[in-house]
Amino acid sequence: MPEDRELRGTAAGVPFLAQPPPTRDDAAPVVVLWHMTDPPRSETAMAAAVPLRGLDAWRVYLGLPMSGSRLPDGGLDAFLQLGYQDAVLELFDPITRQAVQEFPAALAELRPQLNLDHNPLALVGASAGAFVCLSLVTETDIPVAAVALISPAIRLASVVAGNERRFDVTYPWSEGSREVAARLDFVARAAEIADREIPTLFVLGDRDDREAFHEPAEALSEELSGRATLVRIPDLEHALAEEPGLDPAPQTEQAAQVDAALVEWLRRELAT
């Protein structure tokens, strides 16, 4: 099936874009990707930024809740305003929880659409998409062959502190938001991830916020020991695309380097 026959639609209510493996191999692995809340902010924009060019696998890009075609009334401005109101309780928590809850049904609906059986499954999450991947690893028993995390959100409290610096705001922590932060602290939950024994790739931009993203990734990678690989991309800040990041856009030089690193690692880990 050539790439011009990519599939778009919804699976169990989740918007998706699926691109077939170049070889049409029925046993080809399936790579499921979630985008950022920074650019790229939709499944179609993520597919343009990280096409996994040359990887012999199904590439399935899922839209996050409250993003892309599921933005709240008022569009991107309304989404960003929710972040200013309460980034943890209005954005990070509901986006992650809903994405995790809806994934099993979406995957089950996609399998017959894509003629998949028990093909090896890899998960890729960028920024907030990493919270989804790591939550699936720790909270479900879905078989996962590999996990790749790009500019990853790994410890929510560190991400919030980074946003405080970035936007010159002070986040008002509450009992409820601290409970969410504890759940989305995957450095503290490293043993649960290590128990799954899943090869994990961390892709970091060398110009990204060190305290928010580098230090948690380094700490988690150390806990995963020989199962972890860490790659740094020169000149990459955090986002993988230009603003506003809702629609497909030309791939940036840094995103192309991310793409190449992912393909090399996934090809090895999935033996494609």
C-alpha atoms as a PDB file:
ATOM      1  CA  MET A   1       0.000   0.000   0.000  1.00  0.00           C
ATOM      2  CA  PRO A   2       1.734   3.251  -1.068  1.00  0.00           C
ATOM      3  CA  GLU A   3       1.883   6.263   1.190  1.00  0.00           C
ATOM      4  CA  ASP A   4      -0.657   8.139  -0.947  1.00  0.00           C
ATOM      5  CA  ARG A   5      -3.184   5.622   0.391  1.00  0.00           C
ATOM      6  CA  GLU A   6      -2.660   6.646   3.997  1.00  0.00           C
ATOM      7  CA  LEU A   7      -5.756   6.294   6.123  1.00  0.00           C
ATOM      8  CA  ARG A   8      -7.412   9.076   8.097  1.00  0.00           C
ATOM      9  CA  GLY A   9     -10.414   8.863  10.326  1.00  0.00           C
ATOM     10  CA  THR A  10     -11.422   8.133  13.891  1.00  0.00           C
ATOM     11  CA  ALA A  11     -11.059   4.962  15.937  1.00  0.00           C
ATOM     12  CA  ALA A  12     -13.283   4.759  19.019  1.00  0.00           C
ATOM     13  CA  GLY A  13     -13.606   8.532  18.717  1.00  0.00           C
ATOM     14  CA  VAL A  14      -9.850   9.164  18.486  1.00  0.00           C
ATOM     15  CA  PRO A  15      -8.666  10.991  15.346  1.00  0.00           C
ATOM     16  CA  PHE A  16      -5.842   9.180  13.593  1.00  0.00           C
ATOM     17  CA  LEU A  17      -3.602   9.209  10.554  1.00  0.00           C
ATOM     18  CA  ALA A  18      -2.090   5.845   9.579  1.00  0.00           C
ATOM     19  CA  GLN A  19       0.657   5.236   7.034  1.00  0.00           C
ATOM     20  CA  PRO A  20       1.422   1.697   5.845  1.00  0.00           C
ATOM     21  CA  PRO A  21       4.795  -0.049   5.812  1.00  0.00           C
ATOM     22  CA  PRO A  22       6.619   0.328   2.484  1.00  0.00           C
ATOM     23  CA  THR A  23       6.830  -3.468   2.028  1.00  0.00           C
ATOM     24  CA  ARG A  24       3.163  -4.217   2.789  1.00  0.00           C
ATOM     25  CA  ASP A  25       4.412  -6.843   5.235  1.00  0.00           C
ATOM     26  CA  ASP A  26       1.410  -8.144   7.198  1.00  0.00           C
ATOM     27  CA  ALA A  27       3.709  -8.851  10.156  1.00  0.00           C
ATOM     28  CA  ALA A  28       5.277  -5.368  10.179  1.00  0.00           C
ATOM     29  CA  PRO A  29       5.474  -3.649  13.582  1.00  0.00           C
ATOM     30  CA  VAL A  30       3.030  -0.922  14.554  1.00  0.00           C
ATOM     31  CA  VAL A  31       4.402   2.379  15.854  1.00  0.00           C
ATOM     32  CA  VAL A  32       1.824   4.567  17.588  1.00  0.00           C
ATOM     33  CA  LEU A  33       2.765   8.223  18.081  1.00  0.00           C
ATOM     34  CA  TRP A  34       1.301  11.035  20.201  1.00  0.00           C
ATOM     35  CA  HIS A  35       2.141  14.662  19.495  1.00  0.00           C
ATOM     36  CA  MET A  36       3.016  17.580  21.778  1.00  0.00           C
ATOM     37  CA  THR A  37       0.893  20.340  23.251  1.00  0.00           C
ATOM     38  CA  ASP A  38       3.600  22.581  21.754  1.00  0.00           C
ATOM     39  CA  PRO A  39       4.073  22.371  17.971  1.00  0.00           C
ATOM     40  CA  PRO A  40       3.289  19.917  16.450  1.00  0.00           C
ATOM     41  CA  ARG A  41      -0.144  20.072  18.087  1.00  0.00           C
ATOM     42  CA  SER A  42      -2.104  17.542  16.005  1.00  0.00           C
ATOM     43  CA  GLU A  43      -1.728  14.064  14.590  1.00  0.00           C
ATOM     44  CA  THR A  44      -1.332  15.405  11.034  1.00  0.00           C
ATOM     45  CA  ALA A  45       1.286  17.957  12.085  1.00  0.00           C
ATOM     46  CA  MET A  46       3.157  15.236  13.990  1.00  0.00           C
ATOM     47  CA  ALA A  47       3.185  13.018  10.894  1.00  0.00           C
ATOM     48  CA  ALA A  48       4.815  15.837   8.924  1.00  0.00           C
ATOM     49  CA  ALA A  49       7.391  16.558  11.628  1.00  0.00           C
ATOM     50  CA  VAL A  50       8.261  12.929  12.433  1.00  0.00           C
ATOM     51  CA  PRO A  51       7.322  10.772   9.416  1.00  0.00           C
ATOM     52  CA  LEU A  52       9.660   7.921  10.432  1.00  0.00           C
ATOM     53  CA  ARG A  53      10.901   7.973   6.895  1.00  0.00           C
ATOM     54  CA  GLY A  54      12.272   4.610   5.765  1.00  0.00           C
ATOM     55  CA  LEU A  55      10.972   2.575   8.707  1.00  0.00           C
ATOM     56  CA  ASP A  56       9.267  -0.638   7.612  1.00  0.00           C
ATOM     57  CA  ALA A  57       6.348  -0.374  10.013  1.00  0.00           C
ATOM     58  CA  TRP A  58       2.826   0.908  10.302  1.00  0.00           C
ATOM     59  CA  ARG A  59       2.965   4.477  11.612  1.00  0.00           C
ATOM     60  CA  VAL A  60      -0.208   5.462  13.437  1.00  0.00           C
ATOM     61  CA  TYR A  61      -0.497   9.065  14.659  1.00  0.00           C
ATOM     62  CA  LEU A  62      -3.182   9.616  17.297  1.00  0.00           C
ATOM     63  CA  GLY A  63      -4.639  12.986  18.234  1.00  0.00           C
ATOM     64  CA  LEU A  64      -4.471  13.900  21.898  1.00  0.00           C
ATOM     65  CA  PRO A  65      -7.682  14.886  23.682  1.00  0.00           C
ATOM     66  CA  MET A  66      -8.374  18.635  23.680  1.00  0.00           C
ATOM     67  CA  SER A  67      -5.997  19.024  20.705  1.00  0.00           C
ATOM     68  CA  GLY A  68      -6.207  19.270  16.919  1.00  0.00           C
ATOM     69  CA  SER A  69      -9.764  18.556  15.802  1.00  0.00           C
ATOM     70  CA  ARG A  70     -10.759  18.175  19.465  1.00  0.00           C
ATOM     71  CA  LEU A  71      -9.654  21.619  20.613  1.00  0.00           C
ATOM     72  CA  PRO A  72     -12.124  23.252  23.006  1.00  0.00           C
ATOM     73  CA  ASP A  73     -14.553  25.879  21.759  1.00  0.00           C
ATOM     74  CA  GLY A  74     -12.455  28.930  21.007  1.00  0.00           C
ATOM     75  CA  GLY A  75      -9.633  26.905  19.454  1.00  0.00           C
ATOM     76  CA  LEU A  76      -5.989  27.207  20.384  1.00  0.00           C
ATOM     77  CA  ASP A  77      -6.538  30.455  22.304  1.00  0.00           C
ATOM     78  CA  ALA A  78      -9.070  28.727  24.549  1.00  0.00           C
ATOM     79  CA  PHE A  79      -6.700  25.792  25.045  1.00  0.00           C
ATOM     80  CA  LEU A  80      -3.858  28.103  26.090  1.00  0.00           C
ATOM     81  CA  GLN A  81      -6.194  30.002  28.418  1.00  0.00           C
ATOM     82  CA  LEU A  82      -6.974  26.754  30.235  1.00  0.00           C
ATOM     83  CA  GLY A  83      -3.248  26.424  30.805  1.00  0.00           C
ATOM     84  CA  TYR A  84      -3.129  29.808  32.472  1.00  0.00           C
ATOM     85  CA  GLN A  85      -6.160  28.938  34.624  1.00  0.00           C
ATOM     86  CA  ASP A  86      -4.747  25.624  35.898  1.00  0.00           C
ATOM     87  CA  ALA A  87      -2.262  23.790  33.678  1.00  0.00           C
ATOM     88  CA  VAL A  88      -2.324  20.639  35.815  1.00  0.00           C
ATOM     89  CA  LEU A  89      -6.044  20.140  36.477  1.00  0.00           C
ATOM     90  CA  GLU A  90      -7.367  21.649  33.243  1.00  0.00           C
ATOM     91  CA  LEU A  91      -4.786  20.303  30.770  1.00  0.00           C
ATOM     92  CA  PHE A  92      -2.135  17.766  31.795  1.00  0.00           C
ATOM     93  CA  ASP A  93      -4.440  15.621  33.933  1.00  0.00           C
ATOM     94  CA  PRO A  94      -7.477  15.344  31.633  1.00  0.00           C
ATOM     95  CA  ILE A  95      -5.397  15.019  28.466  1.00  0.00           C
ATOM     96  CA  THR A  96      -3.307  12.183  29.881  1.00  0.00           C
ATOM     97  CA  ARG A  97      -6.122  10.344  31.625  1.00  0.00           C
ATOM     98  CA  GLN A  98      -8.418  10.432  28.607  1.00  0.00           C
ATOM     99  CA  ALA A  99      -5.667   9.431  26.166  1.00  0.00           C
ATOM    100  CA  VAL A 100      -4.821   6.407  28.309  1.00  0.00           C
ATOM    101  CA  GLN A 101      -8.474   5.444  28.776  1.00  0.00           C
ATOM    102  CA  GLU A 102      -9.338   5.689  25.090  1.00  0.00           C
ATOM    103  CA  PHE A 103      -6.251   3.924  23.689  1.00  0.00           C
ATOM    104  CA  PRO A 104      -7.229   0.249  24.180  1.00  0.00           C
ATOM    105  CA  ALA A 105     -10.541   0.710  22.355  1.00  0.00           C
ATOM    106  CA  ALA A 106      -8.891   2.781  19.615  1.00  0.00           C
ATOM    107  CA  LEU A 107      -6.215   0.129  19.097  1.00  0.00           C
ATOM    108  CA  ALA A 108      -8.826  -2.638  19.008  1.00  0.00           C
ATOM    109  CA  GLU A 109     -10.787  -0.741  16.358  1.00  0.00           C
ATOM    110  CA  LEU A 110      -7.673   0.010  14.316  1.00  0.00           C
ATOM    111  CA  ARG A 111      -6.471  -3.585  14.136  1.00  0.00           C
ATOM    112  CA  PRO A 112      -9.150  -4.804  11.681  1.00  0.00           C
ATOM    113  CA  GLN A 113      -9.030  -1.520   9.738  1.00  0.00           C
ATOM    114  CA  LEU A 114      -5.294  -1.946   9.152  1.00  0.00           C
ATOM    115  CA  ASN A 115      -5.404  -5.753   8.887  1.00  0.00           C
ATOM    116  CA  LEU A 116      -3.248  -6.173  11.975  1.00  0.00           C
ATOM    117  CA  ASP A 117      -3.091  -9.236  14.171  1.00  0.00           C
ATOM    118  CA  HIS A 118      -0.491  -9.425  16.921  1.00  0.00           C
ATOM    119  CA  ASN A 119       2.101  -7.193  15.286  1.00  0.00           C
ATOM    120  CA  PRO A 120       4.800  -5.878  17.655  1.00  0.00           C
ATOM    121  CA  LEU A 121       3.752  -2.533  19.147  1.00  0.00           C
ATOM    122  CA  ALA A 122       6.010   0.459  19.839  1.00  0.00           C
ATOM    123  CA  LEU A 123       4.903   3.691  21.509  1.00  0.00           C
ATOM    124  CA  VAL A 124       6.332   7.140  20.735  1.00  0.00           C
ATOM    125  CA  GLY A 125       5.415  10.238  22.723  1.00  0.00           C
ATOM    126  CA  ALA A 126       6.606  13.813  22.278  1.00  0.00           C
ATOM    127  CA  SER A 127       6.588  16.150  25.284  1.00  0.00           C
ATOM    128  CA  ALA A 128       3.168  15.631  26.948  1.00  0.00           C
ATOM    129  CA  GLY A 129       2.729  12.585  24.722  1.00  0.00           C
ATOM    130  CA  ALA A 130       5.439  10.954  26.839  1.00  0.00           C
ATOM    131  CA  PHE A 131       3.092  11.088  29.836  1.00  0.00           C
ATOM    132  CA  VAL A 132       0.658   8.978  27.804  1.00  0.00           C
ATOM    133  CA  CYS A 133       3.303   6.398  26.845  1.00  0.00           C
ATOM    134  CA  LEU A 134       4.641   6.059  30.383  1.00  0.00           C
ATOM    135  CA  SER A 135       1.131   5.879  31.850  1.00  0.00           C
ATOM    136  CA  LEU A 136       0.263   3.055  29.461  1.00  0.00           C
ATOM    137  CA  VAL A 137       3.416   1.217  30.491  1.00  0.00           C
ATOM    138  CA  THR A 138       2.719   1.578  34.224  1.00  0.00           C
ATOM    139  CA  GLU A 139      -1.081   1.376  34.278  1.00  0.00           C
ATOM    140  CA  THR A 140      -1.941  -1.241  31.646  1.00  0.00           C
ATOM    141  CA  ASP A 141      -0.710  -4.665  30.610  1.00  0.00           C
ATOM    142  CA  ILE A 142      -0.752  -3.906  26.871  1.00  0.00           C
ATOM    143  CA  PRO A 143       2.281  -5.680  25.352  1.00  0.00           C
ATOM    144  CA  VAL A 144       4.829  -3.058  24.262  1.00  0.00           C
ATOM    145  CA  ALA A 145       8.037  -3.887  22.403  1.00  0.00           C
ATOM    146  CA  ALA A 146       9.696  -0.454  22.591  1.00  0.00           C
ATOM    147  CA  VAL A 147       9.072   3.088  23.842  1.00  0.00           C
ATOM    148  CA  ALA A 148      10.613   6.265  22.407  1.00  0.00           C
ATOM    149  CA  LEU A 149      10.221   9.622  24.145  1.00  0.00           C
ATOM    150  CA  ILE A 150      10.987  12.942  22.415  1.00  0.00           C
ATOM    151  CA  SER A 151      11.579  16.136  24.434  1.00  0.00           C
ATOM    152  CA  PRO A 152       9.773  14.111  27.060  1.00  0.00           C
ATOM    153  CA  ALA A 153       7.605  15.245  29.919  1.00  0.00           C
ATOM    154  CA  ILE A 154       8.587  12.759  32.619  1.00  0.00           C
ATOM    155  CA  ARG A 155       8.087  14.552  35.951  1.00  0.00           C
ATOM    156  CA  LEU A 156       5.061  16.877  35.971  1.00  0.00           C
ATOM    157  CA  ALA A 157       6.340  19.089  38.787  1.00  0.00           C
ATOM    158  CA  SER A 158       9.507  19.765  36.767  1.00  0.00           C
ATOM    159  CA  VAL A 159       7.454  20.620  33.667  1.00  0.00           C
ATOM    160  CA  VAL A 160       5.298  23.027  35.683  1.00  0.00           C
ATOM    161  CA  ALA A 161       8.404  24.703  37.109  1.00  0.00           C
ATOM    162  CA  GLY A 162       9.782  25.019  33.593  1.00  0.00           C
ATOM    163  CA  ASN A 163       6.569  26.674  32.425  1.00  0.00           C
ATOM    164  CA  GLU A 164       6.739  29.046  35.382  1.00  0.00           C
ATOM    165  CA  ARG A 165      10.144  30.181  34.126  1.00  0.00           C
ATOM    166  CA  ARG A 166       9.051  30.216  30.492  1.00  0.00           C
ATOM    167  CA  PHE A 167       5.863  32.255  30.972  1.00  0.00           C
ATOM    168  CA  ASP A 168       6.846  34.206  34.125  1.00  0.00           C
ATOM    169  CA  VAL A 169       3.920  32.837  36.149  1.00  0.00           C
ATOM    170  CA  THR A 170       3.491  31.127  39.503  1.00  0.00           C
ATOM    171  CA  TYR A 171       1.448  27.946  39.582  1.00  0.00           C
ATOM    172  CA  PRO A 172      -0.894  27.668  42.629  1.00  0.00           C
ATOM    173  CA  TRP A 173      -0.431  24.075  43.775  1.00  0.00           C
ATOM    174  CA  SER A 174      -3.400  22.414  45.481  1.00  0.00           C
ATOM    175  CA  GLU A 175      -3.986  19.028  47.078  1.00  0.00           C
ATOM    176  CA  GLY A 176      -5.611  17.830  43.866  1.00  0.00           C
ATOM    177  CA  SER A 177      -2.832  19.000  41.589  1.00  0.00           C
ATOM    178  CA  ARG A 178      -0.182  17.506  43.864  1.00  0.00           C
ATOM    179  CA  GLU A 179      -1.934  14.131  43.577  1.00  0.00           C
ATOM    180  CA  VAL A 180      -1.746  14.432  39.780  1.00  0.00           C
ATOM    181  CA  ALA A 181       1.936  15.391  40.007  1.00  0.00           C
ATOM    182  CA  ALA A 182       2.659  12.303  42.089  1.00  0.00           C
ATOM    183  CA  ARG A 183       0.962  10.098  39.517  1.00  0.00           C
ATOM    184  CA  LEU A 184       2.845  11.787  36.680  1.00  0.00           C
ATOM    185  CA  ASP A 185       6.268  11.518  38.313  1.00  0.00           C
ATOM    186  CA  PHE A 186       7.888   8.714  36.377  1.00  0.00           C
ATOM    187  CA  VAL A 187      11.248   9.159  38.034  1.00  0.00           C
ATOM    188  CA  ALA A 188       9.585   8.206  41.309  1.00  0.00           C
ATOM    189  CA  ARG A 189       7.776   5.383  39.474  1.00  0.00           C
ATOM    190  CA  ALA A 190      10.916   4.162  37.699  1.00  0.00           C
ATOM    191  CA  ALA A 191      10.740   0.718  39.302  1.00  0.00           C
ATOM    192  CA  GLU A 192       7.322   0.117  37.735  1.00  0.00           C
ATOM    193  CA  ILE A 193       8.732   0.975  34.311  1.00  0.00           C
ATOM    194  CA  ALA A 194      11.864  -1.091  34.850  1.00  0.00           C
ATOM    195  CA  ASP A 195       9.707  -4.102  35.746  1.00  0.00           C
ATOM    196  CA  ARG A 196       8.304  -4.113  32.199  1.00  0.00           C
ATOM    197  CA  GLU A 197      11.848  -4.469  30.760  1.00  0.00           C
ATOM    198  CA  ILE A 198      10.956  -2.420  27.667  1.00  0.00           C
ATOM    199  CA  PRO A 199      13.777  -0.825  25.639  1.00  0.00           C
ATOM    200  CA  THR A 200      13.347   2.936  25.962  1.00  0.00           C
ATOM    201  CA  LEU A 201      14.805   5.787  23.912  1.00  0.00           C
ATOM    202  CA  PHE A 202      15.091   9.353  25.194  1.00  0.00           C
ATOM    203  CA  VAL A 203      15.596  12.058  22.532  1.00  0.00           C
ATOM    204  CA  LEU A 204      16.551  15.428  24.026  1.00  0.00           C
ATOM    205  CA  GLY A 205      17.171  18.790  22.423  1.00  0.00           C
ATOM    206  CA  ASP A 206      20.431  20.233  23.694  1.00  0.00           C
ATOM    207  CA  ARG A 207      18.774  23.673  23.916  1.00  0.00           C
ATOM    208  CA  ASP A 208      15.738  22.458  25.856  1.00  0.00           C
ATOM    209  CA  ASP A 209      15.114  23.397  29.501  1.00  0.00           C
ATOM    210  CA  ARG A 210      17.601  21.295  31.444  1.00  0.00           C
ATOM    211  CA  GLU A 211      15.760  21.174  34.768  1.00  0.00           C
ATOM    212  CA  ALA A 212      12.350  20.540  33.201  1.00  0.00           C
ATOM    213  CA  PHE A 213      13.336  17.894  30.653  1.00  0.00           C
ATOM    214  CA  HIS A 214      16.987  16.811  30.689  1.00  0.00           C
ATOM    215  CA  GLU A 215      17.391  16.046  34.381  1.00  0.00           C
ATOM    216  CA  PRO A 216      14.231  13.888  34.715  1.00  0.00           C
ATOM    217  CA  ALA A 217      15.106  12.004  31.513  1.00  0.00           C
ATOM    218  CA  GLU A 218      18.648  11.390  32.705  1.00  0.00           C
ATOM    219  CA  ALA A 219      17.420  10.218  36.099  1.00  0.00           C
ATOM    220  CA  LEU A 220      14.875   7.824  34.595  1.00  0.00           C
ATOM    221  CA  SER A 221      17.352   6.503  32.024  1.00  0.00           C
ATOM    222  CA  GLU A 222      19.792   5.692  34.817  1.00  0.00           C
ATOM    223  CA  GLU A 223      17.109   3.722  36.656  1.00  0.00           C
ATOM    224  CA  LEU A 224      16.339   1.739  33.498  1.00  0.00           C
ATOM    225  CA  SER A 225      20.005   0.834  33.191  1.00  0.00           C
ATOM    226  CA  GLY A 226      20.855  -1.194  30.096  1.00  0.00           C
ATOM    227  CA  ARG A 227      17.315  -0.847  28.728  1.00  0.00           C
ATOM    228  CA  ALA A 228      17.713   2.897  28.091  1.00  0.00           C
ATOM    229  CA  THR A 229      19.331   4.866  25.269  1.00  0.00           C
ATOM    230  CA  LEU A 230      19.737   8.645  25.390  1.00  0.00           C
ATOM    231  CA  VAL A 231      20.306  10.769  22.266  1.00  0.00           C
ATOM    232  CA  ARG A 232      20.843  14.548  22.157  1.00  0.00           C
ATOM    233  CA  ILE A 233      19.927  16.625  19.102  1.00  0.00           C
ATOM    234  CA  PRO A 234      22.087  19.722  18.441  1.00  0.00           C
ATOM    235  CA  ASP A 235      20.240  23.068  18.304  1.00  0.00           C
ATOM    236  CA  LEU A 236      16.861  21.532  19.170  1.00  0.00           C
ATOM    237  CA  GLU A 237      14.960  23.536  21.767  1.00  0.00           C
ATOM    238  CA  HIS A 238      11.669  21.824  22.707  1.00  0.00           C
ATOM    239  CA  ALA A 239       9.140  22.020  19.887  1.00  0.00           C
ATOM    240  CA  LEU A 240       9.489  19.949  16.724  1.00  0.00           C
ATOM    241  CA  ALA A 241       7.695  22.394  14.427  1.00  0.00           C
ATOM    242  CA  GLU A 242       7.021  26.093  14.014  1.00  0.00           C
ATOM    243  CA  GLU A 243       4.021  27.858  15.538  1.00  0.00           C
ATOM    244  CA  PRO A 244       1.081  27.413  15.476  1.00  0.00           C
ATOM    245  CA  GLY A 245       1.750  23.735  14.781  1.00  0.00           C
ATOM    246  CA  LEU A 246      -1.832  22.658  14.072  1.00  0.00           C
ATOM    247  CA  ASP A 247      -1.404  21.767  10.390  1.00  0.00           C
ATOM    248  CA  PRO A 248       1.295  19.835   8.520  1.00  0.00           C
ATOM    249  CA  ALA A 249       4.353  21.992   7.831  1.00  0.00           C
ATOM    250  CA  PRO A 250       7.762  21.477   6.225  1.00  0.00           C
ATOM    251  CA  GLN A 251      10.021  19.379   8.413  1.00  0.00           C
ATOM    252  CA  THR A 252      12.654  21.434  10.261  1.00  0.00           C
ATOM    253  CA  GLU A 253      16.309  20.463  10.224  1.00  0.00           C
ATOM    254  CA  GLN A 254      16.162  19.498  13.890  1.00  0.00           C
ATOM    255  CA  ALA A 255      13.001  17.426  13.433  1.00  0.00           C
ATOM    256  CA  ALA A 256      14.722  15.576  10.590  1.00  0.00           C
ATOM    257  CA  GLN A 257      17.528  14.666  12.988  1.00  0.00           C
ATOM    258  CA  VAL A 258      14.982  13.456  15.540  1.00  0.00           C
ATOM    259  CA  ASP A 259      13.293  11.411  12.829  1.00  0.00           C
ATOM    260  CA  ALA A 260      16.564   9.804  11.755  1.00  0.00           C
ATOM    261  CA  ALA A 261      17.483   8.927  15.359  1.00  0.00           C
ATOM    262  CA  LEU A 262      14.076   7.327  15.926  1.00  0.00           C
ATOM    263  CA  VAL A 263      14.213   5.303  12.725  1.00  0.00           C
ATOM    264  CA  GLU A 264      17.704   3.991  13.474  1.00  0.00           C
ATOM    265  CA  TRP A 265      16.754   2.945  17.006  1.00  0.00           C
ATOM    266  CA  LEU A 266      13.316   1.523  16.165  1.00  0.00           C
ATOM    267  CA  ARG A 267      14.715  -0.431  13.236  1.00  0.00           C
ATOM    268  CA  ARG A 268      17.187  -2.077  15.599  1.00  0.00           C
ATOM    269  CA  GLU A 269      14.783  -2.698  18.472  1.00  0.00           C
ATOM    270  CA  LEU A 270      11.939  -3.915  16.273  1.00  0.00           C
ATOM    271  CA  ALA A 271      14.272  -5.756  13.893  1.00  0.00           C
ATOM    272  CA  THR A 272      12.703  -4.182  10.807  1.00  0.00           C
END
